[in-house]
């Protein structure tokens, strides 16, 4: 074949065609994942039918037939949900017994939380250097806003409640348990016998008892061992015990990540002349934490859900407020509506943490580069 004939044949080739419509997009995804075989197709159709029954019934109950106004449960006359209590009790669900005229302080603390977290959670945040300094100062700022001082009216922590209490205890436990968990994980692997034994004793002792027991200890037994002139606030005691409990679990999660690091990484750090702490900070811990992301986030989610246990020692979080409301004669019998709202609050927070975990895993994944 001559060069001219070859080039003529190349010119006569058909242009590249797009992929068949049935193999790309939503249709392609559905064929691959939902209708790839007759058995999968049957299961998919059964699942769609069940979802239709459940979702249509829920929408009918929650929205179409629902009552949304009234001063008590007797104002709800339809067969659907009674959402009249939201207008009457939503402030208590969010803020507990916090003074109504001071709830703006909680709102400001909540809004300031986002710029405090942004430089640590996301890249290329404008003004990240300054926001990191703000993040360090945020716990002090939030404490002053919530508890008072510096010209603000003092609000005792027995007024804390509702979802605000869950966020306060949960966020404090999450922020504090990670560094303490790292220290305990490193301590458990330490070559110094005293540090290793103390770390093991703490981890096994705390993991060996339920969180409820630790909360009782913080509320009843701990004050006995304190000097008479020293009194720890109830919310502070809860944060301490929740942090200790989560730190013990966090230590084991991170220890698993440390054990997954090949010995060659340790040897390479030593060959470069790095000290123990530099090798941990620059080489070992970044890899271990990346491996441990699913377990760490799982511990965070469990910690946040465990904040509902504060009701055991007399603090009313959002679940405690819900239990108290459904026992009120004016709203008796509205447990379904109440617990749906409570579940929605927890789902939003826990699902957000889960999705951020997926985002972080994908961003740090180096296997596909």
Protein backbone atom coordinates (compact mmCIF):
# COMPACT_ATOMS: atom_id res chain seq x y z
CA UNK A 1 0.00 0.00 0.00
CA UNK A 2 1.38 3.37 -1.05
CA UNK A 3 1.58 6.36 1.26
CA UNK A 4 -1.14 8.13 -0.69
CA UNK A 5 -3.50 5.17 -0.43
CA UNK A 6 -2.81 4.88 3.30
CA UNK A 7 -3.55 8.57 3.94
CA UNK A 8 -6.68 8.34 1.77
CA UNK A 9 -7.89 5.40 3.85
CA UNK A 10 -7.18 7.30 7.08
CA UNK A 11 -9.21 10.27 5.84
CA UNK A 12 -12.15 7.99 5.01
CA UNK A 13 -12.34 6.59 8.57
CA UNK A 14 -15.45 7.47 10.52
CA UNK A 15 -15.07 10.10 13.26
CA UNK A 16 -15.15 9.04 16.90
CA UNK A 17 -18.71 8.40 18.06
CA UNK A 18 -20.13 9.04 21.55
CA UNK A 19 -20.81 6.08 23.81
CA UNK A 20 -24.27 4.50 23.53
CA UNK A 21 -26.84 6.41 25.59
CA UNK A 22 -27.73 3.24 27.49
CA UNK A 23 -24.21 2.89 28.91
CA UNK A 24 -23.62 6.38 30.30
CA UNK A 25 -25.40 8.79 32.61
CA UNK A 26 -28.29 7.80 34.83
CA UNK A 27 -29.50 5.11 32.43
CA UNK A 28 -26.06 3.49 32.30
CA UNK A 29 -25.66 3.65 36.07
CA UNK A 30 -29.10 2.08 36.59
CA UNK A 31 -28.38 -0.74 34.13
CA UNK A 32 -25.04 -1.47 35.80
CA UNK A 33 -26.11 -1.22 39.44
CA UNK A 34 -29.85 -1.92 39.55
CA UNK A 35 -30.81 -3.99 36.50
CA UNK A 36 -27.63 -5.89 35.64
CA UNK A 37 -29.44 -9.26 35.86
CA UNK A 38 -32.96 -10.56 36.25
CA UNK A 39 -32.44 -11.27 39.97
CA UNK A 40 -31.12 -7.74 40.57
CA UNK A 41 -34.05 -6.34 38.61
CA UNK A 42 -36.56 -8.21 40.78
CA UNK A 43 -34.88 -7.06 44.00
CA UNK A 44 -34.77 -3.47 42.71
CA UNK A 45 -38.46 -3.46 41.82
CA UNK A 46 -39.40 -4.92 45.22
CA UNK A 47 -37.27 -2.30 46.98
CA UNK A 48 -38.84 0.52 44.93
CA UNK A 49 -42.31 -0.76 45.83
CA UNK A 50 -41.49 -0.91 49.56
CA UNK A 51 -39.92 2.56 49.46
CA UNK A 52 -42.98 3.90 47.69
CA UNK A 53 -45.27 2.50 50.38
CA UNK A 54 -43.14 3.86 53.22
CA UNK A 55 -42.35 7.27 51.74
CA UNK A 56 -45.86 7.96 50.47
CA UNK A 57 -47.35 7.04 53.85
CA UNK A 58 -44.82 9.23 55.68
CA UNK A 59 -45.42 12.20 53.37
CA UNK A 60 -49.18 11.80 53.82
CA UNK A 61 -48.79 11.71 57.61
CA UNK A 62 -46.06 14.33 58.02
CA UNK A 63 -47.16 16.95 55.49
CA UNK A 64 -50.46 16.47 53.68
CA UNK A 65 -52.66 15.55 56.68
CA UNK A 66 -50.57 17.39 59.30
CA UNK A 67 -51.67 20.18 61.63
CA UNK A 68 -49.17 22.99 62.11
CA UNK A 69 -50.85 25.45 64.47
CA UNK A 70 -52.41 25.35 67.91
CA UNK A 71 -51.61 25.88 71.57
CA UNK A 72 -51.95 22.22 72.62
CA UNK A 73 -52.53 18.75 71.22
CA UNK A 74 -56.31 19.20 71.27
CA UNK A 75 -55.99 21.75 68.47
CA UNK A 76 -54.81 18.95 66.15
CA UNK A 77 -57.92 17.31 64.70
CA UNK A 78 -56.63 15.54 61.59
CA UNK A 79 -55.26 12.02 61.27
CA UNK A 80 -51.79 13.31 60.38
CA UNK A 81 -48.90 14.59 62.44
CA UNK A 82 -49.34 17.38 64.96
CA UNK A 83 -46.55 19.92 64.52
CA UNK A 84 -48.23 22.62 66.61
CA UNK A 85 -45.78 22.01 69.44
CA UNK A 86 -42.85 23.24 67.33
CA UNK A 87 -44.05 26.83 67.47
CA UNK A 88 -44.55 26.52 71.23
CA UNK A 89 -41.44 24.56 72.23
CA UNK A 90 -38.77 24.95 69.55
CA UNK A 91 -36.78 27.48 71.60
CA UNK A 92 -36.59 25.03 74.50
CA UNK A 93 -35.48 22.27 72.15
CA UNK A 94 -32.66 24.45 70.83
CA UNK A 95 -31.57 26.39 73.91
CA UNK A 96 -32.88 24.46 76.90
CA UNK A 97 -33.53 26.77 79.85
CA UNK A 98 -31.19 29.51 78.67
CA UNK A 99 -32.68 32.99 79.28
CA UNK A 100 -34.74 33.99 76.26
CA UNK A 101 -33.20 37.45 76.10
CA UNK A 102 -29.66 36.03 75.99
CA UNK A 103 -30.02 33.37 73.28
CA UNK A 104 -28.31 35.72 70.82
CA UNK A 105 -25.07 34.78 72.55
CA UNK A 106 -25.56 31.13 71.60
CA UNK A 107 -26.33 32.13 68.02
CA UNK A 108 -23.14 34.20 67.77
CA UNK A 109 -21.04 31.37 69.27
CA UNK A 110 -22.55 28.96 66.74
CA UNK A 111 -21.88 31.27 63.79
CA UNK A 112 -18.29 31.89 64.90
CA UNK A 113 -17.73 28.13 65.03
CA UNK A 114 -17.57 27.90 61.22
CA UNK A 115 -14.66 30.32 60.66
CA UNK A 116 -12.90 28.66 63.60
CA UNK A 117 -13.12 25.23 61.96
CA UNK A 118 -12.69 26.26 58.32
CA UNK A 119 -8.86 26.62 58.18
CA UNK A 120 -8.40 23.14 59.68
CA UNK A 121 -11.01 21.36 57.58
CA UNK A 122 -10.57 22.92 54.14
CA UNK A 123 -7.76 24.12 51.90
CA UNK A 124 -7.28 27.55 50.35
CA UNK A 125 -9.47 29.33 52.88
CA UNK A 126 -8.98 33.11 52.59
CA UNK A 127 -7.06 34.49 55.56
CA UNK A 128 -6.31 30.99 56.86
CA UNK A 129 -3.26 32.16 58.83
CA UNK A 130 -5.31 34.63 60.86
CA UNK A 131 -8.25 32.25 61.20
CA UNK A 132 -5.97 29.67 62.83
CA UNK A 133 -5.16 32.19 65.56
CA UNK A 134 -8.88 32.83 65.87
CA UNK A 135 -9.43 29.06 66.19
CA UNK A 136 -7.06 28.95 69.16
CA UNK A 137 -8.95 31.81 70.81
CA UNK A 138 -12.40 30.46 69.95
CA UNK A 139 -12.83 28.18 73.02
CA UNK A 140 -12.27 31.19 75.29
CA UNK A 141 -14.59 33.37 73.22
CA UNK A 142 -17.31 30.70 73.18
CA UNK A 143 -17.00 30.12 76.93
CA UNK A 144 -17.41 33.84 77.64
CA UNK A 145 -20.38 34.07 75.30
CA UNK A 146 -22.15 31.04 76.77
CA UNK A 147 -21.32 31.37 80.46
CA UNK A 148 -20.96 35.14 80.71
CA UNK A 149 -18.32 37.51 81.99
CA UNK A 150 -16.58 40.61 80.61
CA UNK A 151 -19.78 42.60 80.79
CA UNK A 152 -22.13 39.76 79.82
CA UNK A 153 -24.71 38.44 82.25
CA UNK A 154 -23.54 35.25 83.95
CA UNK A 155 -25.63 32.21 83.00
CA UNK A 156 -25.07 29.12 85.14
CA UNK A 157 -24.64 25.84 83.33
CA UNK A 158 -27.76 24.35 84.90
CA UNK A 159 -29.57 26.56 82.36
CA UNK A 160 -27.76 24.84 79.50
CA UNK A 161 -29.94 22.38 77.66
CA UNK A 162 -31.49 21.29 74.41
CA UNK A 163 -29.45 20.86 71.27
CA UNK A 164 -27.06 23.56 72.44
CA UNK A 165 -25.93 21.25 75.27
CA UNK A 166 -25.39 18.37 72.85
CA UNK A 167 -23.25 20.57 70.62
CA UNK A 168 -21.27 22.00 73.53
CA UNK A 169 -20.41 18.63 75.05
CA UNK A 170 -19.98 16.89 71.69
CA UNK A 171 -17.70 19.48 70.11
CA UNK A 172 -15.59 19.83 73.25
CA UNK A 173 -15.20 16.05 73.44
CA UNK A 174 -14.32 15.76 69.74
CA UNK A 175 -11.73 18.54 69.82
CA UNK A 176 -10.07 17.28 73.01
CA UNK A 177 -10.24 13.51 72.47
CA UNK A 178 -8.17 13.48 69.25
CA UNK A 179 -4.93 14.94 70.70
CA UNK A 180 -5.32 12.95 73.93
CA UNK A 181 -5.98 9.82 71.90
CA UNK A 182 -2.81 10.39 69.88
CA UNK A 183 -0.78 10.84 73.07
CA UNK A 184 -2.24 7.66 74.59
CA UNK A 185 -1.58 5.68 71.39
CA UNK A 186 2.04 6.81 71.34
CA UNK A 187 2.32 6.16 75.07
CA UNK A 188 1.04 2.62 74.66
CA UNK A 189 3.81 1.95 72.14
CA UNK A 190 6.48 3.75 74.15
CA UNK A 191 9.70 1.96 75.11
CA UNK A 192 9.56 3.59 78.53
CA UNK A 193 7.87 1.05 80.84
CA UNK A 194 6.24 3.63 83.13
CA UNK A 195 4.62 5.57 80.29
CA UNK A 196 3.54 2.40 78.51
CA UNK A 197 2.00 0.85 81.65
CA UNK A 198 0.19 4.05 82.64
CA UNK A 199 -1.24 4.40 79.13
CA UNK A 200 -2.40 0.78 79.05
CA UNK A 201 -3.99 1.04 82.50
CA UNK A 202 -5.88 4.19 81.54
CA UNK A 203 -7.09 2.84 78.20
CA UNK A 204 -8.21 -0.54 79.53
CA UNK A 205 -9.80 0.93 82.67
CA UNK A 206 -11.84 3.52 80.78
CA UNK A 207 -12.83 1.14 77.97
CA UNK A 208 -13.86 -1.47 80.49
CA UNK A 209 -16.76 0.52 81.98
CA UNK A 210 -19.85 2.07 80.35
CA UNK A 211 -19.98 5.82 79.83
CA UNK A 212 -22.97 5.99 82.18
CA UNK A 213 -20.75 4.74 84.99
CA UNK A 214 -18.18 7.45 84.28
CA UNK A 215 -20.90 10.10 84.30
CA UNK A 216 -22.09 8.88 87.68
CA UNK A 217 -18.50 8.96 88.91
CA UNK A 218 -18.11 12.55 87.70
CA UNK A 219 -21.35 13.63 89.35
CA UNK A 220 -21.28 11.73 92.65
CA UNK A 221 -17.86 10.29 93.47
CA UNK A 222 -15.46 12.86 91.96
CA UNK A 223 -16.62 15.77 94.20
CA UNK A 224 -15.81 13.65 97.28
CA UNK A 225 -12.10 13.63 96.39
CA UNK A 226 -11.91 17.34 95.66
CA UNK A 227 -10.98 19.91 98.33
CA UNK A 228 -13.99 21.49 100.05
CA UNK A 229 -13.34 24.87 98.41
CA UNK A 230 -13.08 23.39 94.89
CA UNK A 231 -16.23 22.72 92.92
CA UNK A 232 -16.23 21.57 89.32
CA UNK A 233 -19.14 22.66 87.18
CA UNK A 234 -21.46 19.80 86.15
CA UNK A 235 -21.03 20.47 82.44
CA UNK A 236 -17.24 20.62 82.87
CA UNK A 237 -17.31 17.26 84.66
CA UNK A 238 -19.34 15.77 81.84
CA UNK A 239 -16.91 17.12 79.22
CA UNK A 240 -13.96 15.66 81.16
CA UNK A 241 -15.52 12.20 81.37
CA UNK A 242 -16.77 12.18 77.78
CA UNK A 243 -13.30 13.25 76.60
CA UNK A 244 -11.60 10.55 78.68
CA UNK A 245 -14.01 7.90 77.37
CA UNK A 246 -13.58 8.93 73.73
CA UNK A 247 -9.80 9.30 74.11
CA UNK A 248 -9.44 5.67 75.19
CA UNK A 249 -11.27 4.47 72.08
CA UNK A 250 -9.46 6.98 69.91
CA UNK A 251 -6.11 5.70 71.17
CA UNK A 252 -6.88 2.19 69.95
CA UNK A 253 -8.07 3.44 66.57
CA UNK A 254 -4.88 5.45 66.07
CA UNK A 255 -2.73 2.60 67.38
CA UNK A 256 -4.17 0.46 64.60
CA UNK A 257 -3.08 3.11 62.11
CA UNK A 258 0.41 3.21 63.63
CA UNK A 259 0.75 -0.56 63.38
CA UNK A 260 -0.17 -0.41 59.68
CA UNK A 261 2.87 1.76 58.91
CA UNK A 262 5.72 -0.38 57.49
CA UNK A 263 8.93 -0.56 59.51
CA UNK A 264 10.73 0.94 56.55
CA UNK A 265 9.10 4.29 57.28
CA UNK A 266 10.55 4.32 60.81
CA UNK A 267 13.95 3.26 59.48
CA UNK A 268 13.86 5.94 56.78
CA UNK A 269 13.12 8.60 59.41
CA UNK A 270 16.06 7.40 61.50
CA UNK A 271 18.32 7.34 58.43
CA UNK A 272 17.44 10.98 57.79
CA UNK A 273 18.56 11.84 61.30
CA UNK A 274 15.11 12.89 62.51
CA UNK A 275 14.36 12.83 66.20
CA UNK A 276 11.48 10.75 67.56
CA UNK A 277 9.03 13.66 67.71
CA UNK A 278 10.01 15.01 64.29
CA UNK A 279 9.65 11.60 62.67
CA UNK A 280 6.24 11.19 64.28
CA UNK A 281 5.06 14.67 63.31
CA UNK A 282 6.39 14.69 59.75
CA UNK A 283 6.31 11.05 58.61
CA UNK A 284 4.52 8.52 60.83
CA UNK A 285 1.48 10.32 62.26
CA UNK A 286 0.26 11.84 58.95
CA UNK A 287 0.18 8.37 57.40
CA UNK A 288 -1.35 6.74 60.48
CA UNK A 289 -4.07 9.36 60.77
CA UNK A 290 -4.93 9.00 57.09
CA UNK A 291 -5.37 5.26 57.56
CA UNK A 292 -7.42 5.83 60.72
CA UNK A 293 -9.89 8.35 59.27
CA UNK A 294 -12.90 5.96 59.13
CA UNK A 295 -12.34 4.76 62.69
CA UNK A 296 -11.72 8.29 64.00
CA UNK A 297 -14.90 9.67 62.45
CA UNK A 298 -16.84 6.64 63.67
CA UNK A 299 -15.64 7.41 67.21
CA UNK A 300 -16.65 11.06 66.79
CA UNK A 301 -20.14 10.06 65.68
CA UNK A 302 -20.52 7.66 68.59
CA UNK A 303 -19.30 10.35 71.00
CA UNK A 304 -21.82 12.88 69.71
CA UNK A 305 -24.70 10.43 70.05
CA UNK A 306 -23.56 9.50 73.56
CA UNK A 307 -24.14 13.09 74.67
CA UNK A 308 -27.78 12.12 75.21
CA UNK A 309 -26.63 10.19 78.30
CA UNK A 310 -26.24 13.46 80.23
CA UNK A 311 -29.89 13.09 81.19
CA UNK A 312 -28.73 10.40 83.63
CA UNK A 313 -27.14 13.07 85.84
CA UNK A 314 -29.94 15.60 85.56
CA UNK A 315 -28.93 17.63 82.50
CA UNK A 316 -31.60 18.09 79.84
CA UNK A 317 -30.25 17.76 76.34
CA UNK A 318 -32.54 17.73 73.31
CA UNK A 319 -33.65 14.16 74.06
CA UNK A 320 -34.30 15.02 77.70
CA UNK A 321 -36.39 18.02 76.63
CA UNK A 322 -38.32 15.73 74.26
CA UNK A 323 -39.02 13.20 77.01
CA UNK A 324 -40.23 15.96 79.30
CA UNK A 325 -42.48 17.44 76.62
CA UNK A 326 -44.25 14.20 75.70
CA UNK A 327 -45.03 13.74 79.40
CA UNK A 328 -46.76 17.12 79.50
CA UNK A 329 -50.58 16.71 79.43
CA UNK A 330 -50.83 19.46 76.79
CA UNK A 331 -48.70 17.45 74.36
CA UNK A 332 -49.27 13.89 75.55
CA UNK A 333 -49.20 11.32 72.78
CA UNK A 334 -46.95 13.24 70.36
CA UNK A 335 -43.92 11.04 70.84
CA UNK A 336 -43.68 10.15 67.13
CA UNK A 337 -43.51 13.76 66.00
CA UNK A 338 -41.12 14.71 68.78
CA UNK A 339 -38.63 11.91 68.24
CA UNK A 340 -38.69 12.43 64.46
CA UNK A 341 -37.45 16.00 65.02
CA UNK A 342 -34.79 14.81 67.50
CA UNK A 343 -33.64 12.14 65.05
CA UNK A 344 -33.44 14.76 62.28
CA UNK A 345 -31.10 16.96 64.36
CA UNK A 346 -28.76 14.07 65.08
CA UNK A 347 -28.91 12.79 61.51
CA UNK A 348 -27.86 16.16 60.08
CA UNK A 349 -24.80 16.39 62.34
CA UNK A 350 -23.74 12.74 62.02
CA UNK A 351 -24.33 12.60 58.25
CA UNK A 352 -22.30 15.79 57.81
CA UNK A 353 -19.38 14.23 59.68
CA UNK A 354 -19.69 11.07 57.60
CA UNK A 355 -19.67 12.96 54.30
CA UNK A 356 -16.70 15.06 55.35
CA UNK A 357 -14.89 11.83 56.21
CA UNK A 358 -15.51 10.54 52.66
CA UNK A 359 -14.29 13.87 51.25
CA UNK A 360 -11.14 13.69 53.36
CA UNK A 361 -10.41 10.10 52.35
CA UNK A 362 -10.71 10.96 48.66
CA UNK A 363 -8.54 14.06 49.00
CA UNK A 364 -5.78 12.16 50.79
CA UNK A 365 -5.96 9.05 48.61
CA UNK A 366 -2.61 8.69 46.83
CA UNK A 367 -3.22 5.27 45.26
CA UNK A 368 -4.93 6.66 42.15
CA UNK A 369 -2.45 9.43 41.36
